Protein backbone atom coordinates (compact mmCIF):
# COMPACT_ATOMS: atom_id res chain seq x y z
CA UNK A 1 -154.08 -53.50 -111.29
CA UNK A 2 -152.70 -56.37 -112.50
CA UNK A 3 -149.05 -56.16 -113.55
CA UNK A 4 -148.22 -58.26 -116.59
CA UNK A 5 -144.21 -58.87 -117.71
CA UNK A 6 -143.30 -59.95 -121.00
CA UNK A 7 -140.88 -62.21 -121.43
CA UNK A 8 -136.91 -61.69 -119.56
CA UNK A 9 -135.34 -61.06 -122.03
CA UNK A 10 -136.85 -57.86 -123.00
CA UNK A 11 -137.89 -56.43 -119.60
CA UNK A 12 -135.28 -56.07 -116.90
CA UNK A 13 -135.46 -56.78 -113.65
CA UNK A 14 -134.88 -53.32 -112.95
CA UNK A 15 -137.81 -52.27 -115.18
CA UNK A 16 -139.91 -54.94 -113.24
CA UNK A 17 -139.22 -53.36 -109.98
CA UNK A 18 -140.16 -50.04 -111.71
CA UNK A 19 -143.57 -50.81 -112.28
CA UNK A 20 -144.19 -52.73 -109.39
CA UNK A 21 -142.98 -50.08 -107.12
CA UNK A 22 -142.88 -46.52 -108.50
CA UNK A 23 -145.87 -46.65 -110.93
CA UNK A 24 -148.69 -46.22 -108.72
CA UNK A 25 -151.67 -48.78 -109.01
CA UNK A 26 -154.95 -47.25 -108.63
CA UNK A 27 -156.43 -48.66 -105.25
CA UNK A 28 -160.50 -49.68 -105.40
CA UNK A 29 -161.45 -47.43 -102.59
CA UNK A 30 -164.55 -46.57 -100.21
CA UNK A 31 -167.50 -44.84 -101.00
CA UNK A 32 -168.99 -42.95 -98.64
CA UNK A 33 -173.07 -42.24 -98.89
CA UNK A 34 -173.21 -39.93 -97.16
CA UNK A 35 -171.72 -37.93 -94.44
CA UNK A 36 -173.41 -34.78 -96.13
CA UNK A 37 -176.88 -35.63 -96.86
CA UNK A 38 -178.96 -39.15 -96.05
CA UNK A 39 -178.87 -40.52 -99.46
CA UNK A 40 -180.61 -44.01 -98.42
CA UNK A 41 -183.47 -42.38 -97.39
CA UNK A 42 -184.09 -39.34 -99.83
CA UNK A 43 -181.90 -40.12 -102.97
CA UNK A 44 -181.91 -44.05 -103.17
CA UNK A 45 -182.95 -43.85 -107.06
CA UNK A 46 -180.61 -41.42 -107.56
CA UNK A 47 -177.81 -44.03 -106.25
CA UNK A 48 -178.70 -46.83 -107.92
CA UNK A 49 -178.76 -44.79 -111.18
CA UNK A 50 -175.23 -43.75 -110.57
CA UNK A 51 -173.98 -47.17 -110.12
CA UNK A 52 -175.70 -47.94 -113.27
CA UNK A 53 -174.08 -45.47 -115.12
CA UNK A 54 -170.81 -46.19 -113.11
CA UNK A 55 -170.01 -42.30 -112.20
CA UNK A 56 -171.23 -39.97 -110.04
CA UNK A 57 -170.04 -36.04 -110.04
CA UNK A 58 -169.64 -34.73 -106.74
CA UNK A 59 -169.12 -30.78 -106.05
CA UNK A 60 -166.20 -30.09 -103.49
CA UNK A 61 -168.35 -28.04 -100.70
CA UNK A 62 -165.48 -25.83 -100.00
CA UNK A 63 -163.51 -25.15 -103.44
CA UNK A 64 -167.05 -26.05 -105.55
CA UNK A 65 -164.73 -27.56 -108.17
CA UNK A 66 -166.92 -30.44 -109.51
CA UNK A 67 -164.63 -34.20 -109.87
CA UNK A 68 -166.20 -37.34 -111.58
CA UNK A 69 -165.57 -40.52 -109.34
CA UNK A 70 -165.85 -43.90 -110.83
CA UNK A 71 -168.35 -46.38 -109.47
CA UNK A 72 -167.36 -48.77 -112.07
CA UNK A 73 -167.44 -52.81 -110.18
CA UNK A 74 -163.27 -52.89 -110.52
CA UNK A 75 -162.75 -48.94 -108.45
CA UNK A 76 -165.37 -49.56 -105.44
CA UNK A 77 -164.30 -52.03 -102.99
CA UNK A 78 -166.87 -50.67 -100.30
CA UNK A 79 -169.72 -48.82 -100.13
CA UNK A 80 -170.57 -47.21 -96.34
CA UNK A 81 -173.87 -45.61 -95.93
CA UNK A 82 -175.58 -43.44 -93.45
CA UNK A 83 -178.74 -43.10 -92.63
CA UNK A 84 -181.98 -42.82 -90.35
CA UNK A 85 -184.37 -44.54 -92.90
CA UNK A 86 -183.00 -47.36 -94.61
CA UNK A 87 -186.92 -48.11 -96.45
CA UNK A 88 -185.99 -47.08 -99.31
CA UNK A 89 -183.14 -48.74 -100.21
CA UNK A 90 -183.40 -52.40 -98.45
CA UNK A 91 -185.46 -53.26 -101.98
CA UNK A 92 -182.48 -51.68 -104.07
CA UNK A 93 -180.03 -53.57 -102.20
CA UNK A 94 -180.07 -56.67 -104.61
CA UNK A 95 -178.79 -54.21 -107.35
CA UNK A 96 -176.55 -52.71 -105.17
CA UNK A 97 -174.76 -55.37 -104.47
CA UNK A 98 -173.67 -55.93 -108.69
CA UNK A 99 -171.27 -52.89 -107.96
CA UNK A 100 -170.04 -54.19 -104.77
CA UNK A 101 -171.07 -57.15 -102.01
CA UNK A 102 -168.79 -55.28 -99.01
CA UNK A 103 -171.48 -52.96 -97.91
CA UNK A 104 -171.23 -51.05 -94.28
CA UNK A 105 -174.27 -49.37 -92.43
CA UNK A 106 -174.40 -46.48 -89.83
CA UNK A 107 -177.87 -46.91 -88.51
CA UNK A 108 -179.09 -43.47 -86.57
CA UNK A 109 -181.91 -44.08 -84.04
CA UNK A 110 -182.47 -41.98 -80.83
CA UNK A 111 -186.62 -41.70 -80.48
CA UNK A 112 -186.06 -38.13 -80.43
CA UNK A 113 -188.43 -37.06 -83.05
CA UNK A 114 -189.13 -33.92 -81.25
CA UNK A 115 -185.90 -33.01 -82.61
CA UNK A 116 -185.89 -34.81 -85.56
CA UNK A 117 -189.13 -33.80 -87.18
CA UNK A 118 -189.60 -36.08 -90.02
CA UNK A 119 -187.29 -39.34 -89.11
CA UNK A 120 -189.07 -42.46 -89.53
CA UNK A 121 -190.68 -44.39 -86.41
CA UNK A 122 -188.21 -45.48 -84.03
CA UNK A 123 -189.79 -49.35 -83.86
CA UNK A 124 -189.88 -49.13 -88.38
CA UNK A 125 -185.96 -48.18 -87.72
CA UNK A 126 -185.12 -50.85 -85.27
CA UNK A 127 -187.10 -53.48 -87.29
CA UNK A 128 -184.93 -52.92 -90.61
CA UNK A 129 -181.64 -52.72 -88.47
CA UNK A 130 -182.86 -55.94 -87.49
CA UNK A 131 -183.13 -56.74 -90.94
CA UNK A 132 -179.68 -55.20 -92.28
CA UNK A 133 -178.30 -57.49 -89.17
CA UNK A 134 -179.68 -60.68 -90.38
CA UNK A 135 -178.61 -60.15 -93.92
CA UNK A 136 -175.18 -59.10 -93.51
CA UNK A 137 -173.67 -59.55 -89.74
CA UNK A 138 -174.20 -57.38 -86.67
CA UNK A 139 -170.66 -56.86 -87.09
CA UNK A 140 -171.10 -54.44 -90.70
CA UNK A 141 -173.96 -51.83 -89.57
CA UNK A 142 -172.94 -49.43 -86.09
CA UNK A 143 -175.81 -48.13 -83.90
CA UNK A 144 -175.73 -44.29 -83.84
CA UNK A 145 -176.95 -42.90 -80.29
CA UNK A 146 -175.67 -39.29 -82.18
CA UNK A 147 -175.75 -36.54 -81.62
CA UNK A 148 -176.85 -36.45 -77.88
CA UNK A 149 -178.91 -32.98 -77.78
CA UNK A 150 -180.25 -31.77 -74.62
CA UNK A 151 -182.88 -28.92 -74.06
CA UNK A 152 -184.95 -27.31 -71.69
CA UNK A 153 -187.65 -30.04 -73.00
CA UNK A 154 -186.19 -33.18 -73.35
CA UNK A 155 -183.43 -33.57 -70.35
CA UNK A 156 -180.32 -36.38 -70.18
CA UNK A 157 -183.01 -38.80 -67.98
CA UNK A 158 -185.23 -38.86 -70.83
CA UNK A 159 -182.08 -39.76 -73.68
CA UNK A 160 -181.04 -42.88 -71.28
CA UNK A 161 -184.30 -43.99 -70.72
CA UNK A 162 -184.76 -44.21 -74.93
CA UNK A 163 -181.48 -45.10 -75.20
CA UNK A 164 -181.91 -47.97 -72.89
CA UNK A 165 -185.27 -49.22 -74.79
CA UNK A 166 -183.28 -49.11 -78.31
CA UNK A 167 -180.59 -51.25 -76.60
CA UNK A 168 -182.77 -53.40 -75.22
CA UNK A 169 -184.47 -54.10 -78.75
CA UNK A 170 -181.58 -54.22 -80.66
CA UNK A 171 -179.99 -56.61 -78.72
CA UNK A 172 -178.16 -59.45 -80.44
CA UNK A 173 -178.39 -57.66 -83.58
CA UNK A 174 -176.01 -55.18 -82.69
CA UNK A 175 -172.29 -54.65 -81.50
CA UNK A 176 -171.44 -50.87 -80.98
CA UNK A 177 -172.73 -47.80 -80.75
CA UNK A 178 -171.72 -44.47 -81.52
CA UNK A 179 -172.56 -41.37 -79.46
CA UNK A 180 -171.81 -37.67 -79.42
CA UNK A 181 -172.95 -34.61 -77.72
CA UNK A 182 -174.70 -31.61 -80.12
CA UNK A 183 -172.46 -28.58 -80.59
CA UNK A 184 -173.82 -25.19 -80.60
CA UNK A 185 -172.99 -23.89 -83.86
CA UNK A 186 -174.75 -20.96 -84.52
CA UNK A 187 -176.52 -22.61 -86.91
CA UNK A 188 -177.50 -25.16 -84.72
CA UNK A 189 -179.31 -22.45 -82.06
CA UNK A 190 -180.29 -20.59 -85.09
CA UNK A 191 -182.33 -23.37 -85.96
CA UNK A 192 -183.67 -24.34 -82.63
CA UNK A 193 -184.45 -20.70 -82.46
CA UNK A 194 -186.66 -20.60 -86.06
CA UNK A 195 -187.98 -23.98 -86.15
CA UNK A 196 -188.82 -24.99 -82.40
CA UNK A 197 -189.95 -24.51 -78.88
CA UNK A 198 -187.03 -26.12 -77.83
CA UNK A 199 -184.05 -24.20 -76.01
CA UNK A 200 -180.63 -26.24 -77.00
CA UNK A 201 -178.61 -26.58 -73.40
CA UNK A 202 -175.06 -27.55 -73.68
CA UNK A 203 -174.03 -28.91 -70.32
CA UNK A 204 -170.70 -28.84 -68.43
CA UNK A 205 -167.76 -31.12 -69.59
CA UNK A 206 -168.25 -33.16 -66.29
CA UNK A 207 -171.94 -33.59 -66.50
CA UNK A 208 -171.49 -35.41 -70.07
CA UNK A 209 -168.75 -37.51 -68.83
CA UNK A 210 -170.82 -38.92 -65.67
CA UNK A 211 -174.13 -38.94 -69.17
CA UNK A 212 -171.77 -41.55 -71.38
CA UNK A 213 -170.62 -43.67 -68.72
CA UNK A 214 -174.60 -44.12 -67.54
CA UNK A 215 -175.04 -45.16 -71.35
CA UNK A 216 -171.83 -47.25 -71.56
CA UNK A 217 -173.43 -49.02 -68.44
CA UNK A 218 -176.70 -49.28 -70.33
CA UNK A 219 -175.42 -50.59 -73.22
CA UNK A 220 -172.69 -52.87 -72.04
CA UNK A 221 -175.66 -54.97 -70.74
CA UNK A 222 -177.34 -55.42 -74.20
CA UNK A 223 -173.76 -56.67 -75.30
CA UNK A 224 -172.71 -53.23 -76.75
CA UNK A 225 -169.72 -50.87 -76.63
CA UNK A 226 -170.13 -47.60 -76.40
CA UNK A 227 -167.90 -45.49 -78.81
CA UNK A 228 -167.35 -41.66 -78.81
CA UNK A 229 -167.21 -39.56 -82.29
CA UNK A 230 -165.02 -36.18 -82.11
CA UNK A 231 -165.61 -36.39 -78.54
CA UNK A 232 -162.31 -37.54 -76.92
CA UNK A 233 -162.93 -35.80 -73.48
CA UNK A 234 -165.62 -38.99 -73.31
CA UNK A 235 -162.97 -42.01 -73.68
CA UNK A 236 -163.04 -43.72 -70.70
CA UNK A 237 -162.04 -47.54 -70.21
CA UNK A 238 -165.93 -47.91 -70.95
CA UNK A 239 -165.47 -45.60 -74.18
CA UNK A 240 -163.27 -46.11 -76.84
CA UNK A 241 -162.95 -43.90 -79.87
CA UNK A 242 -164.83 -44.36 -82.81
CA UNK A 243 -163.35 -44.14 -86.16
CA UNK A 244 -166.66 -43.99 -88.57
CA UNK A 245 -164.42 -45.03 -91.16
CA UNK A 246 -161.89 -47.49 -90.71
CA UNK A 247 -160.21 -48.68 -93.42
CA UNK A 248 -158.08 -51.15 -90.92
CA UNK A 249 -161.81 -52.40 -90.06
CA UNK A 250 -162.95 -52.72 -93.10
CA UNK A 251 -160.04 -54.20 -94.51
CA UNK A 252 -160.08 -57.02 -92.15
CA UNK A 253 -164.08 -57.56 -92.51
CA UNK A 254 -163.67 -57.34 -96.18
CA UNK A 255 -160.33 -59.16 -96.63
CA UNK A 256 -158.99 -56.82 -98.98
CA UNK A 257 -156.31 -54.13 -99.01
CA UNK A 258 -158.04 -50.40 -98.26
CA UNK A 259 -156.74 -47.25 -97.92
CA UNK A 260 -155.81 -46.67 -94.36
CA UNK A 261 -154.21 -43.02 -94.32
CA UNK A 262 -155.92 -40.76 -92.15
CA UNK A 263 -159.01 -38.53 -93.19
CA UNK A 264 -159.78 -35.78 -90.91
CA UNK A 265 -163.26 -34.05 -91.16
CA UNK A 266 -163.17 -32.34 -87.96
CA UNK A 267 -161.57 -32.12 -85.25
CA UNK A 268 -160.70 -35.37 -83.16
CA UNK A 269 -162.03 -37.53 -85.86
CA UNK A 270 -160.30 -40.46 -86.68
CA UNK A 271 -161.55 -41.77 -90.41
CA UNK A 272 -159.59 -43.37 -92.57
CA UNK A 273 -159.54 -42.27 -96.65
CA UNK A 274 -163.25 -42.04 -98.50
CA UNK A 275 -164.68 -40.69 -101.31
CA UNK A 276 -168.42 -38.77 -100.08
CA UNK A 277 -170.68 -38.09 -102.69
CA UNK A 278 -173.50 -36.20 -101.04
CA UNK A 279 -174.37 -32.47 -100.89
CA UNK A 280 -175.09 -30.20 -98.12
CA UNK A 281 -178.30 -28.75 -97.98
CA UNK A 282 -180.38 -31.68 -99.19
CA UNK A 283 -181.24 -33.77 -96.16
CA UNK A 284 -185.03 -33.04 -95.26
CA UNK A 285 -185.34 -35.45 -92.10
CA UNK A 286 -185.72 -31.61 -90.61
CA UNK A 287 -183.54 -32.59 -87.42
CA UNK A 288 -182.40 -29.30 -85.36
CA UNK A 289 -179.28 -29.72 -84.80
CA UNK A 290 -177.55 -30.46 -87.93
CA UNK A 291 -174.69 -29.46 -89.12
CA UNK A 292 -174.93 -30.57 -92.91
CA UNK A 293 -178.05 -27.88 -93.44
CA UNK A 294 -177.98 -24.16 -93.15
CA UNK A 295 -181.99 -24.31 -93.53
CA UNK A 296 -184.63 -26.78 -93.53
CA UNK A 297 -186.59 -24.88 -96.41
CA UNK A 298 -183.23 -24.47 -98.46
CA UNK A 299 -182.79 -28.14 -98.18
CA UNK A 300 -186.74 -28.89 -98.86
CA UNK A 301 -186.46 -26.67 -102.24
CA UNK A 302 -183.74 -28.66 -103.12
CA UNK A 303 -184.94 -32.43 -102.70
CA UNK A 304 -188.29 -30.76 -104.29
CA UNK A 305 -186.23 -29.98 -107.54
CA UNK A 306 -184.34 -32.78 -107.37
CA UNK A 307 -183.80 -35.56 -110.80
CA UNK A 308 -182.89 -38.89 -109.77
CA UNK A 309 -181.84 -38.61 -113.63
CA UNK A 310 -178.87 -36.30 -112.80
CA UNK A 311 -175.20 -37.15 -112.83
CA UNK A 312 -174.58 -35.38 -110.02
CA UNK A 313 -176.87 -35.26 -106.75
CA UNK A 314 -177.92 -31.09 -107.14
CA UNK A 315 -177.34 -30.98 -110.84
CA UNK A 316 -176.76 -31.71 -114.04
CA UNK A 317 -172.90 -31.52 -114.78
CA UNK A 318 -172.01 -31.15 -118.41
CA UNK A 319 -168.48 -33.05 -119.94
CA UNK A 320 -167.07 -29.87 -120.53
CA UNK A 321 -167.47 -28.62 -116.24
CA UNK A 322 -165.95 -32.18 -115.00
CA UNK A 323 -162.62 -32.55 -113.48
CA UNK A 324 -160.26 -35.36 -112.68
CA UNK A 325 -161.52 -37.54 -109.89
CA UNK A 326 -160.04 -36.49 -106.64
CA UNK A 327 -157.51 -38.36 -105.21
């Protein structure tokens, strides 16, 4: 917010200093779209409609409080996307850039379609990754091989070979890759039992460290640096700590001052503050290891009921129900 001073005879120096240092000036925020669901793949028309409207309602997944979040160009400094499939979004990039040109992309490509039941063909995903990297810059898109999920039918050696093939095709377009190992949450194990013939395997820590180092070696051969998300036991001289939303990195890239306060989403998270506009139990990729869906059938039902005209992802919110935007 710009502070406009009156003539010196009206405002004293003390008043001016009060305005500068005491009165809070809203900082344009980083919009996360979204850790909770795949907005580019599943809800691109809705997202563009919300940008046109200039606001969106977001329900806190824990308190259930509904907040109104501004998407006006002056209030959005950057948008961080997360997706396995950007194809539905690519034709809409010009319109999205009317809100902000500061776009950053997390692109998950694993080629493990046995576990990601409705993910796109990996070759299509790689072509889309290359397109985004050419349109913007390799530094504005991160490849995620995440999570690394080992089963009785999907060994680490299979993962390593698929990782290497992806890295070779992304060489020159990717500079960083984020990995993590899948966590055996109760709902993950339940989904494995219900929806697949795979048996989840959680290797010992020492084995995971060895596996990560082998991937780091493969990545480095293609000019890609490996980072670990919320898996600090993997950190080494070869593997850095991921900050998936990094206010300092984005500030430098987009030449602006962004909020760099810590905003942890889980243990060992290194992310900085952002506003996530997604909702859990709405992604239809059907990934067996997913922590954001309790049940893929519930997510599919939410997607089928979705209306792109809604002002929130899962419902139409009446103004009387709204709350102020979250800080």
